[in-house]
Amino acid sequence: MTIEEPADSGAPPSAGRAKASRATRQATNQAALALELPFVLVGTIALGAALGYFLDHWMHTRPIFMFVLGALGFAGGLREILRRLPGGADGAKPS
């Protein structure tokens, strides 16, 4: 019994590995981006609201600054998410 070798397709043997490596790298980058973006949004809202809370506490005001800075944090987080997505707000690829 002999083992037949696969027919040569003309491509170097490392070409298949390069395609698989590129696909794996792209999938890993997409997964990292998908896991990172919720933290960006929640982090900016929490930071803005916390800063507003301490300002309200320090100035003895109603929670005006907390809501305003929380909303600004939401807007900033949303802007950052749109910037990081491929084909984002400025049309450029993310770095």
PDB file of N, CA and C in Angstrom:
ATOM      1  N   MET A   1       0.846  -1.166   0.000  1.00  0.00           N
ATOM      2  CA  MET A   1       0.000   0.000   0.000  1.00  0.00           C
ATOM      3  C   MET A   1       0.898   1.237   0.000  1.00  0.00           C
ATOM      4  N   THR A   2       0.643   2.117  -0.924  1.00  0.00           N
ATOM      5  CA  THR A   2       1.433   3.338  -1.008  1.00  0.00           C
ATOM      6  C   THR A   2       0.567   4.536  -0.664  1.00  0.00           C
ATOM      7  N   ILE A   3       1.225   5.546  -0.134  1.00  0.00           N
ATOM      8  CA  ILE A   3       0.536   6.787   0.202  1.00  0.00           C
ATOM      9  C   ILE A   3       0.749   7.757  -0.942  1.00  0.00           C
ATOM     10  N   GLU A   4      -0.339   8.247  -1.478  1.00  0.00           N
ATOM     11  CA  GLU A   4      -0.234   9.194  -2.576  1.00  0.00           C
ATOM     12  C   GLU A   4      -0.045  10.594  -2.033  1.00  0.00           C
ATOM     13  N   GLU A   5       0.837  11.326  -2.634  1.00  0.00           N
ATOM     14  CA  GLU A   5       1.057  12.714  -2.239  1.00  0.00           C
ATOM     15  C   GLU A   5       0.045  13.594  -2.952  1.00  0.00           C
ATOM     16  N   PRO A   6      -0.410  14.647  -2.301  1.00  0.00           N
ATOM     17  CA  PRO A   6      -1.376  15.540  -2.947  1.00  0.00           C
ATOM     18  C   PRO A   6      -0.758  16.224  -4.157  1.00  0.00           C
ATOM     19  N   ALA A   7      -1.609  16.523  -5.100  1.00  0.00           N
ATOM     20  CA  ALA A   7      -1.149  17.194  -6.314  1.00  0.00           C
ATOM     21  C   ALA A   7      -0.654  18.583  -5.969  1.00  0.00           C
ATOM     22  N   ASP A   8       0.412  19.006  -6.611  1.00  0.00           N
ATOM     23  CA  ASP A   8       0.988  20.323  -6.370  1.00  0.00           C
ATOM     24  C   ASP A   8       0.116  21.386  -7.028  1.00  0.00           C
ATOM     25  N   SER A   9      -0.346  22.333  -6.241  1.00  0.00           N
ATOM     26  CA  SER A   9      -1.226  23.374  -6.777  1.00  0.00           C
ATOM     27  C   SER A   9      -0.441  24.546  -7.341  1.00  0.00           C
ATOM     28  N   GLY A  10       0.851  24.525  -7.216  1.00  0.00           N
ATOM     29  CA  GLY A  10       1.654  25.618  -7.749  1.00  0.00           C
ATOM     30  C   GLY A  10       1.961  26.678  -6.704  1.00  0.00           C
ATOM     31  N   ALA A  11       1.261  26.672  -5.590  1.00  0.00           N
ATOM     32  CA  ALA A  11       1.504  27.647  -4.527  1.00  0.00           C
ATOM     33  C   ALA A  11       2.531  27.075  -3.557  1.00  0.00           C
ATOM     34  N   PRO A  12       3.355  27.924  -2.994  1.00  0.00           N
ATOM     35  CA  PRO A  12       4.315  27.420  -2.013  1.00  0.00           C
ATOM     36  C   PRO A  12       3.585  26.855  -0.793  1.00  0.00           C
ATOM     37  N   PRO A  13       4.203  25.900  -0.088  1.00  0.00           N
ATOM     38  CA  PRO A  13       3.529  25.267   1.044  1.00  0.00           C
ATOM     39  C   PRO A  13       3.176  26.249   2.158  1.00  0.00           C
ATOM     40  N   SER A  14       3.896  27.317   2.265  1.00  0.00           N
ATOM     41  CA  SER A  14       3.619  28.273   3.339  1.00  0.00           C
ATOM     42  C   SER A  14       2.436  29.187   3.015  1.00  0.00           C
ATOM     43  N   ALA A  15       1.928  29.164   1.795  1.00  0.00           N
ATOM     44  CA  ALA A  15       0.821  30.044   1.408  1.00  0.00           C
ATOM     45  C   ALA A  15      -0.453  29.689   2.164  1.00  0.00           C
ATOM     46  N   GLY A  16      -0.722  28.415   2.352  1.00  0.00           N
ATOM     47  CA  GLY A  16      -1.906  27.990   3.094  1.00  0.00           C
ATOM     48  C   GLY A  16      -1.834  28.417   4.551  1.00  0.00           C
ATOM     49  N   ARG A  17      -0.648  28.311   5.129  1.00  0.00           N
ATOM     50  CA  ARG A  17      -0.471  28.736   6.518  1.00  0.00           C
ATOM     51  C   ARG A  17      -0.618  30.243   6.659  1.00  0.00           C
ATOM     52  N   ALA A  18      -0.164  30.992   5.665  1.00  0.00           N
ATOM     53  CA  ALA A  18      -0.276  32.446   5.726  1.00  0.00           C
ATOM     54  C   ALA A  18      -1.736  32.882   5.697  1.00  0.00           C
ATOM     55  N   LYS A  19      -2.546  32.201   4.852  1.00  0.00           N
ATOM     56  CA  LYS A  19      -3.971  32.534   4.798  1.00  0.00           C
ATOM     57  C   LYS A  19      -4.653  32.191   6.112  1.00  0.00           C
ATOM     58  N   ALA A  20      -4.324  31.026   6.676  1.00  0.00           N
ATOM     59  CA  ALA A  20      -4.917  30.620   7.952  1.00  0.00           C
ATOM     60  C   ALA A  20      -4.473  31.563   9.066  1.00  0.00           C
ATOM     61  N   SER A  21      -3.228  31.955   9.040  1.00  0.00           N
ATOM     62  CA  SER A  21      -2.716  32.867  10.064  1.00  0.00           C
ATOM     63  C   SER A  21      -3.395  34.228   9.968  1.00  0.00           C
ATOM     64  N   ARG A  22      -3.597  34.712   8.753  1.00  0.00           N
ATOM     65  CA  ARG A  22      -4.245  36.001   8.546  1.00  0.00           C
ATOM     66  C   ARG A  22      -5.701  35.946   9.016  1.00  0.00           C
ATOM     67  N   ALA A  23      -6.387  34.843   8.706  1.00  0.00           N
ATOM     68  CA  ALA A  23      -7.782  34.694   9.126  1.00  0.00           C
ATOM     69  C   ALA A  23      -7.879  34.594  10.651  1.00  0.00           C
ATOM     70  N   THR A  24      -6.957  33.879  11.269  1.00  0.00           N
ATOM     71  CA  THR A  24      -6.944  33.761  12.726  1.00  0.00           C
ATOM     72  C   THR A  24      -6.668  35.107  13.374  1.00  0.00           C
ATOM     73  N   ARG A  25      -5.736  35.851  12.813  1.00  0.00           N
ATOM     74  CA  ARG A  25      -5.398  37.170  13.360  1.00  0.00           C
ATOM     75  C   ARG A  25      -6.584  38.127  13.235  1.00  0.00           C
ATOM     76  N   GLN A  26      -7.293  38.072  12.107  1.00  0.00           N
ATOM     77  CA  GLN A  26      -8.450  38.933  11.899  1.00  0.00           C
ATOM     78  C   GLN A  26      -9.576  38.572  12.868  1.00  0.00           C
ATOM     79  N   ALA A  27      -9.808  37.286  13.077  1.00  0.00           N
ATOM     80  CA  ALA A  27     -10.845  36.853  14.020  1.00  0.00           C
ATOM     81  C   ALA A  27     -10.490  37.259  15.443  1.00  0.00           C
ATOM     82  N   THR A  28      -9.220  37.156  15.795  1.00  0.00           N
ATOM     83  CA  THR A  28      -8.773  37.560  17.130  1.00  0.00           C
ATOM     84  C   THR A  28      -8.940  39.058  17.322  1.00  0.00           C
ATOM     85  N   ASN A  29      -8.600  39.845  16.322  1.00  0.00           N
ATOM     86  CA  ASN A  29      -8.756  41.300  16.415  1.00  0.00           C
ATOM     87  C   ASN A  29     -10.222  41.693  16.554  1.00  0.00           C
ATOM     88  N   GLN A  30     -11.100  41.020  15.821  1.00  0.00           N
ATOM     89  CA  GLN A  30     -12.532  41.313  15.914  1.00  0.00           C
ATOM     90  C   GLN A  30     -13.082  40.934  17.275  1.00  0.00           C
ATOM     91  N   ALA A  31     -12.636  39.810  17.821  1.00  0.00           N
ATOM     92  CA  ALA A  31     -13.097  39.386  19.148  1.00  0.00           C
ATOM     93  C   ALA A  31     -12.602  40.358  20.219  1.00  0.00           C
ATOM     94  N   ALA A  32     -11.366  40.808  20.100  1.00  0.00           N
ATOM     95  CA  ALA A  32     -10.827  41.768  21.067  1.00  0.00           C
ATOM     96  C   ALA A  32     -11.592  43.087  21.014  1.00  0.00           C
ATOM     97  N   LEU A  33     -11.922  43.534  19.816  1.00  0.00           N
ATOM     98  CA  LEU A  33     -12.693  44.763  19.666  1.00  0.00           C
ATOM     99  C   LEU A  33     -14.089  44.610  20.255  1.00  0.00           C
ATOM    100  N   ALA A  34     -14.729  43.454  20.017  1.00  0.00           N
ATOM    101  CA  ALA A  34     -16.073  43.218  20.540  1.00  0.00           C
ATOM    102  C   ALA A  34     -16.078  43.156  22.064  1.00  0.00           C
ATOM    103  N   LEU A  35     -15.012  42.665  22.660  1.00  0.00           N
ATOM    104  CA  LEU A  35     -14.933  42.605  24.116  1.00  0.00           C
ATOM    105  C   LEU A  35     -14.539  43.942  24.727  1.00  0.00           C
ATOM    106  N   GLU A  36     -13.845  44.774  23.995  1.00  0.00           N
ATOM    107  CA  GLU A  36     -13.357  46.042  24.511  1.00  0.00           C
ATOM    108  C   GLU A  36     -14.412  47.157  24.469  1.00  0.00           C
ATOM    109  N   LEU A  37     -15.227  47.192  23.442  1.00  0.00           N
ATOM    110  CA  LEU A  37     -16.146  48.309  23.235  1.00  0.00           C
ATOM    111  C   LEU A  37     -17.168  48.508  24.354  1.00  0.00           C
ATOM    112  N   PRO A  38     -17.769  47.467  24.927  1.00  0.00           N
ATOM    113  CA  PRO A  38     -18.703  47.724  26.034  1.00  0.00           C
ATOM    114  C   PRO A  38     -18.032  48.383  27.234  1.00  0.00           C
ATOM    115  N   PHE A  39     -16.776  48.020  27.498  1.00  0.00           N
ATOM    116  CA  PHE A  39     -16.061  48.628  28.613  1.00  0.00           C
ATOM    117  C   PHE A  39     -15.771  50.098  28.345  1.00  0.00           C
ATOM    118  N   VAL A  40     -15.535  50.442  27.092  1.00  0.00           N
ATOM    119  CA  VAL A  40     -15.305  51.844  26.738  1.00  0.00           C
ATOM    120  C   VAL A  40     -16.555  52.662  27.035  1.00  0.00           C
ATOM    121  N   LEU A  41     -17.711  52.178  26.616  1.00  0.00           N
ATOM    122  CA  LEU A  41     -18.955  52.916  26.823  1.00  0.00           C
ATOM    123  C   LEU A  41     -19.299  53.024  28.309  1.00  0.00           C
ATOM    124  N   VAL A  42     -19.268  51.902  29.013  1.00  0.00           N
ATOM    125  CA  VAL A  42     -19.609  51.914  30.440  1.00  0.00           C
ATOM    126  C   VAL A  42     -18.593  52.730  31.232  1.00  0.00           C
ATOM    127  N   GLY A  43     -17.334  52.631  30.880  1.00  0.00           N
ATOM    128  CA  GLY A  43     -16.291  53.372  31.589  1.00  0.00           C
ATOM    129  C   GLY A  43     -16.444  54.877  31.465  1.00  0.00           C
ATOM    130  N   THR A  44     -16.759  55.353  30.284  1.00  0.00           N
ATOM    131  CA  THR A  44     -16.903  56.799  30.105  1.00  0.00           C
ATOM    132  C   THR A  44     -18.143  57.324  30.835  1.00  0.00           C
ATOM    133  N   ILE A  45     -19.224  56.556  30.818  1.00  0.00           N
ATOM    134  CA  ILE A  45     -20.434  56.975  31.544  1.00  0.00           C
ATOM    135  C   ILE A  45     -20.159  56.984  33.044  1.00  0.00           C
ATOM    136  N   ALA A  46     -19.525  55.929  33.546  1.00  0.00           N
ATOM    137  CA  ALA A  46     -19.238  55.839  34.979  1.00  0.00           C
ATOM    138  C   ALA A  46     -18.291  56.941  35.424  1.00  0.00           C
ATOM    139  N   LEU A  47     -17.287  57.233  34.628  1.00  0.00           N
ATOM    140  CA  LEU A  47     -16.343  58.296  34.983  1.00  0.00           C
ATOM    141  C   LEU A  47     -17.037  59.644  35.015  1.00  0.00           C
ATOM    142  N   GLY A  48     -17.842  59.943  34.020  1.00  0.00           N
ATOM    143  CA  GLY A  48     -18.564  61.211  33.987  1.00  0.00           C
ATOM    144  C   GLY A  48     -19.546  61.339  35.136  1.00  0.00           C
ATOM    145  N   ALA A  49     -20.296  60.264  35.409  1.00  0.00           N
ATOM    146  CA  ALA A  49     -21.271  60.308  36.498  1.00  0.00           C
ATOM    147  C   ALA A  49     -20.589  60.409  37.861  1.00  0.00           C
ATOM    148  N   ALA A  50     -19.486  59.712  38.054  1.00  0.00           N
ATOM    149  CA  ALA A  50     -18.762  59.783  39.325  1.00  0.00           C
ATOM    150  C   ALA A  50     -18.181  61.173  39.547  1.00  0.00           C
ATOM    151  N   LEU A  51     -17.608  61.743  38.517  1.00  0.00           N
ATOM    152  CA  LEU A  51     -17.073  63.101  38.634  1.00  0.00           C
ATOM    153  C   LEU A  51     -18.200  64.089  38.939  1.00  0.00           C
ATOM    154  N   GLY A  52     -19.336  63.931  38.268  1.00  0.00           N
ATOM    155  CA  GLY A  52     -20.494  64.780  38.533  1.00  0.00           C
ATOM    156  C   GLY A  52     -21.034  64.592  39.939  1.00  0.00           C
ATOM    157  N   TYR A  53     -21.037  63.357  40.431  1.00  0.00           N
ATOM    158  CA  TYR A  53     -21.499  63.093  41.790  1.00  0.00           C
ATOM    159  C   TYR A  53     -20.628  63.819  42.811  1.00  0.00           C
ATOM    160  N   PHE A  54     -19.311  63.721  42.639  1.00  0.00           N
ATOM    161  CA  PHE A  54     -18.418  64.396  43.587  1.00  0.00           C
ATOM    162  C   PHE A  54     -18.526  65.913  43.480  1.00  0.00           C
ATOM    163  N   LEU A  55     -18.725  66.433  42.287  1.00  0.00           N
ATOM    164  CA  LEU A  55     -18.948  67.877  42.136  1.00  0.00           C
ATOM    165  C   LEU A  55     -20.244  68.301  42.831  1.00  0.00           C
ATOM    166  N   ASP A  56     -21.304  67.526  42.657  1.00  0.00           N
ATOM    167  CA  ASP A  56     -22.577  67.828  43.322  1.00  0.00           C
ATOM    168  C   ASP A  56     -22.435  67.754  44.838  1.00  0.00           C
ATOM    169  N   HIS A  57     -21.709  66.763  45.306  1.00  0.00           N
ATOM    170  CA  HIS A  57     -21.507  66.611  46.749  1.00  0.00           C
ATOM    171  C   HIS A  57     -20.689  67.777  47.312  1.00  0.00           C
ATOM    172  N   TRP A  58     -19.656  68.175  46.576  1.00  0.00           N
ATOM    173  CA  TRP A  58     -18.774  69.251  47.020  1.00  0.00           C
ATOM    174  C   TRP A  58     -19.488  70.602  46.996  1.00  0.00           C
ATOM    175  N   MET A  59     -20.326  70.833  45.987  1.00  0.00           N
ATOM    176  CA  MET A  59     -21.010  72.116  45.836  1.00  0.00           C
ATOM    177  C   MET A  59     -22.391  72.123  46.501  1.00  0.00           C
ATOM    178  N   HIS A  60     -22.800  71.002  47.114  1.00  0.00           N
ATOM    179  CA  HIS A  60     -24.098  70.878  47.782  1.00  0.00           C
ATOM    180  C   HIS A  60     -25.249  71.231  46.843  1.00  0.00           C
ATOM    181  N   THR A  61     -25.209  70.633  45.654  1.00  0.00           N
ATOM    182  CA  THR A  61     -26.269  70.861  44.674  1.00  0.00           C
ATOM    183  C   THR A  61     -27.034  69.568  44.441  1.00  0.00           C
ATOM    184  N   ARG A  62     -28.134  69.689  43.765  1.00  0.00           N
ATOM    185  CA  ARG A  62     -28.876  68.500  43.349  1.00  0.00           C
ATOM    186  C   ARG A  62     -28.038  67.761  42.311  1.00  0.00           C
ATOM    187  N   PRO A  63     -28.409  66.546  41.945  1.00  0.00           N
ATOM    188  CA  PRO A  63     -27.554  65.773  41.018  1.00  0.00           C
ATOM    189  C   PRO A  63     -27.570  66.287  39.574  1.00  0.00           C
ATOM    190  N   ILE A  64     -27.368  67.573  39.433  1.00  0.00           N
ATOM    191  CA  ILE A  64     -27.342  68.169  38.090  1.00  0.00           C
ATOM    192  C   ILE A  64     -26.056  67.786  37.362  1.00  0.00           C
ATOM    193  N   PHE A  65     -24.923  67.974  38.023  1.00  0.00           N
ATOM    194  CA  PHE A  65     -23.640  67.684  37.381  1.00  0.00           C
ATOM    195  C   PHE A  65     -23.503  66.195  37.076  1.00  0.00           C
ATOM    196  N   MET A  66     -24.061  65.362  37.939  1.00  0.00           N
ATOM    197  CA  MET A  66     -23.977  63.923  37.705  1.00  0.00           C
ATOM    198  C   MET A  66     -24.687  63.550  36.401  1.00  0.00           C
ATOM    199  N   PHE A  67     -25.874  64.098  36.179  1.00  0.00           N
ATOM    200  CA  PHE A  67     -26.606  63.784  34.951  1.00  0.00           C
ATOM    201  C   PHE A  67     -25.957  64.414  33.722  1.00  0.00           C
ATOM    202  N   VAL A  68     -25.508  65.648  33.868  1.00  0.00           N
ATOM    203  CA  VAL A  68     -24.890  66.329  32.720  1.00  0.00           C
ATOM    204  C   VAL A  68     -23.584  65.642  32.330  1.00  0.00           C
ATOM    205  N   LEU A  69     -22.718  65.377  33.314  1.00  0.00           N
ATOM    206  CA  LEU A  69     -21.440  64.740  32.988  1.00  0.00           C
ATOM    207  C   LEU A  69     -21.616  63.270  32.595  1.00  0.00           C
ATOM    208  N   GLY A  70     -22.639  62.606  33.129  1.00  0.00           N
ATOM    209  CA  GLY A  70     -22.948  61.246  32.681  1.00  0.00           C
ATOM    210  C   GLY A  70     -23.389  61.239  31.226  1.00  0.00           C
ATOM    211  N   ALA A  71     -24.203  62.220  30.841  1.00  0.00           N
ATOM    212  CA  ALA A  71     -24.636  62.321  29.436  1.00  0.00           C
ATOM    213  C   ALA A  71     -23.455  62.660  28.529  1.00  0.00           C
ATOM    214  N   LEU A  72     -22.567  63.535  28.998  1.00  0.00           N
ATOM    215  CA  LEU A  72     -21.366  63.838  28.206  1.00  0.00           C
ATOM    216  C   LEU A  72     -20.474  62.605  28.090  1.00  0.00           C
ATOM    217  N   GLY A  73     -20.398  61.800  29.163  1.00  0.00           N
ATOM    218  CA  GLY A  73     -19.648  60.551  29.110  1.00  0.00           C
ATOM    219  C   GLY A  73     -20.248  59.583  28.106  1.00  0.00           C
ATOM    220  N   PHE A  74     -21.577  59.522  28.068  1.00  0.00           N
ATOM    221  CA  PHE A  74     -22.257  58.670  27.084  1.00  0.00           C
ATOM    222  C   PHE A  74     -21.933  59.127  25.663  1.00  0.00           C
ATOM    223  N   ALA A  75     -22.015  60.432  25.434  1.00  0.00           N
ATOM    224  CA  ALA A  75     -21.721  60.963  24.096  1.00  0.00           C
ATOM    225  C   ALA A  75     -20.259  60.706  23.717  1.00  0.00           C
ATOM    226  N   GLY A  76     -19.359  60.903  24.671  1.00  0.00           N
ATOM    227  CA  GLY A  76     -17.946  60.645  24.393  1.00  0.00           C
ATOM    228  C   GLY A  76     -17.665  59.168  24.148  1.00  0.00           C
ATOM    229  N   GLY A  77     -18.309  58.300  24.922  1.00  0.00           N
ATOM    230  CA  GLY A  77     -18.134  56.860  24.724  1.00  0.00           C
ATOM    231  C   GLY A  77     -18.681  56.396  23.392  1.00  0.00           C
ATOM    232  N   LEU A  78     -19.845  56.923  23.014  1.00  0.00           N
ATOM    233  CA  LEU A  78     -20.423  56.578  21.724  1.00  0.00           C
ATOM    234  C   LEU A  78     -19.536  57.052  20.578  1.00  0.00           C
ATOM    235  N   ARG A  79     -18.991  58.244  20.726  1.00  0.00           N
ATOM    236  CA  ARG A  79     -18.091  58.773  19.700  1.00  0.00           C
ATOM    237  C   ARG A  79     -16.830  57.914  19.590  1.00  0.00           C
ATOM    238  N   GLU A  80     -16.301  57.471  20.728  1.00  0.00           N
ATOM    239  CA  GLU A  80     -15.109  56.625  20.727  1.00  0.00           C
ATOM    240  C   GLU A  80     -15.401  55.264  20.092  1.00  0.00           C
ATOM    241  N   ILE A  81     -16.559  54.700  20.364  1.00  0.00           N
ATOM    242  CA  ILE A  81     -16.931  53.428  19.751  1.00  0.00           C
ATOM    243  C   ILE A  81     -17.041  53.572  18.237  1.00  0.00           C
ATOM    244  N   LEU A  82     -17.698  54.623  17.786  1.00  0.00           N
ATOM    245  CA  LEU A  82     -17.829  54.835  16.343  1.00  0.00           C
ATOM    246  C   LEU A  82     -16.481  55.090  15.686  1.00  0.00           C
ATOM    247  N   ARG A  83     -15.574  55.721  16.404  1.00  0.00           N
ATOM    248  CA  ARG A  83     -14.238  55.968  15.864  1.00  0.00           C
ATOM    249  C   ARG A  83     -13.446  54.668  15.736  1.00  0.00           C
ATOM    250  N   ARG A  84     -13.614  53.761  16.693  1.00  0.00           N
ATOM    251  CA  ARG A  84     -12.839  52.523  16.690  1.00  0.00           C
ATOM    252  C   ARG A  84     -13.369  51.462  15.733  1.00  0.00           C
ATOM    253  N   LEU A  85     -14.623  51.543  15.366  1.00  0.00           N
ATOM    254  CA  LEU A  85     -15.177  50.550  14.448  1.00  0.00           C
ATOM    255  C   LEU A  85     -14.601  50.754  13.051  1.00  0.00           C
ATOM    256  N   PRO A  86     -14.403  49.675  12.308  1.00  0.00           N
ATOM    257  CA  PRO A  86     -13.918  49.813  10.934  1.00  0.00           C
ATOM    258  C   PRO A  86     -14.887  50.652  10.101  1.00  0.00           C
ATOM    259  N   GLY A  87     -14.345  51.598   9.364  1.00  0.00           N
ATOM    260  CA  GLY A  87     -15.184  52.493   8.581  1.00  0.00           C
ATOM    261  C   GLY A  87     -15.930  53.439   9.474  1.00  0.00           C
ATOM    262  N   GLY A  88     -15.281  53.888  10.562  1.00  0.00           N
ATOM    263  CA  GLY A  88     -15.920  54.727  11.577  1.00  0.00           C
ATOM    264  C   GLY A  88     -16.254  56.118  11.077  1.00  0.00           C
ATOM    265  N   ALA A  89     -16.374  57.044  12.002  1.00  0.00           N
ATOM    266  CA  ALA A  89     -16.844  58.402  11.724  1.00  0.00           C
ATOM    267  C   ALA A  89     -15.984  59.125  10.693  1.00  0.00           C
ATOM    268  N   ASP A  90     -14.667  58.938  10.768  1.00  0.00           N
ATOM    269  CA  ASP A  90     -13.813  59.658   9.830  1.00  0.00           C
ATOM    270  C   ASP A  90     -13.507  58.837   8.577  1.00  0.00           C
ATOM    271  N   GLY A  91     -14.023  57.612   8.485  1.00  0.00           N
ATOM    272  CA  GLY A  91     -13.834  56.792   7.288  1.00  0.00           C
ATOM    273  C   GLY A  91     -12.487  56.113   7.203  1.00  0.00           C
ATOM    274  N   ALA A  92     -11.623  56.325   8.185  1.00  0.00           N
ATOM    275  CA  ALA A  92     -10.298  55.718   8.164  1.00  0.00           C
ATOM    276  C   ALA A  92     -10.320  54.394   8.911  1.00  0.00           C
ATOM    277  N   LYS A  93      -9.381  53.544   8.593  1.00  0.00           N
ATOM    278  CA  LYS A  93      -9.253  52.267   9.286  1.00  0.00           C
ATOM    279  C   LYS A  93      -8.688  52.518  10.680  1.00  0.00           C
ATOM    280  N   PRO A  94      -9.110  51.733  11.701  1.00  0.00           N
ATOM    281  CA  PRO A  94      -8.548  51.917  13.034  1.00  0.00           C
ATOM    282  C   PRO A  94      -7.106  51.478  13.067  1.00  0.00           C
ATOM    283  N   SER A  95      -6.340  52.080  13.935  1.00  0.00           N
ATOM    284  CA  SER A  95      -4.921  51.728  14.017  1.00  0.00           C
ATOM    285  C   SER A  95      -4.674  50.562  14.922  1.00  0.00           C
TER     286      SER A  95
END
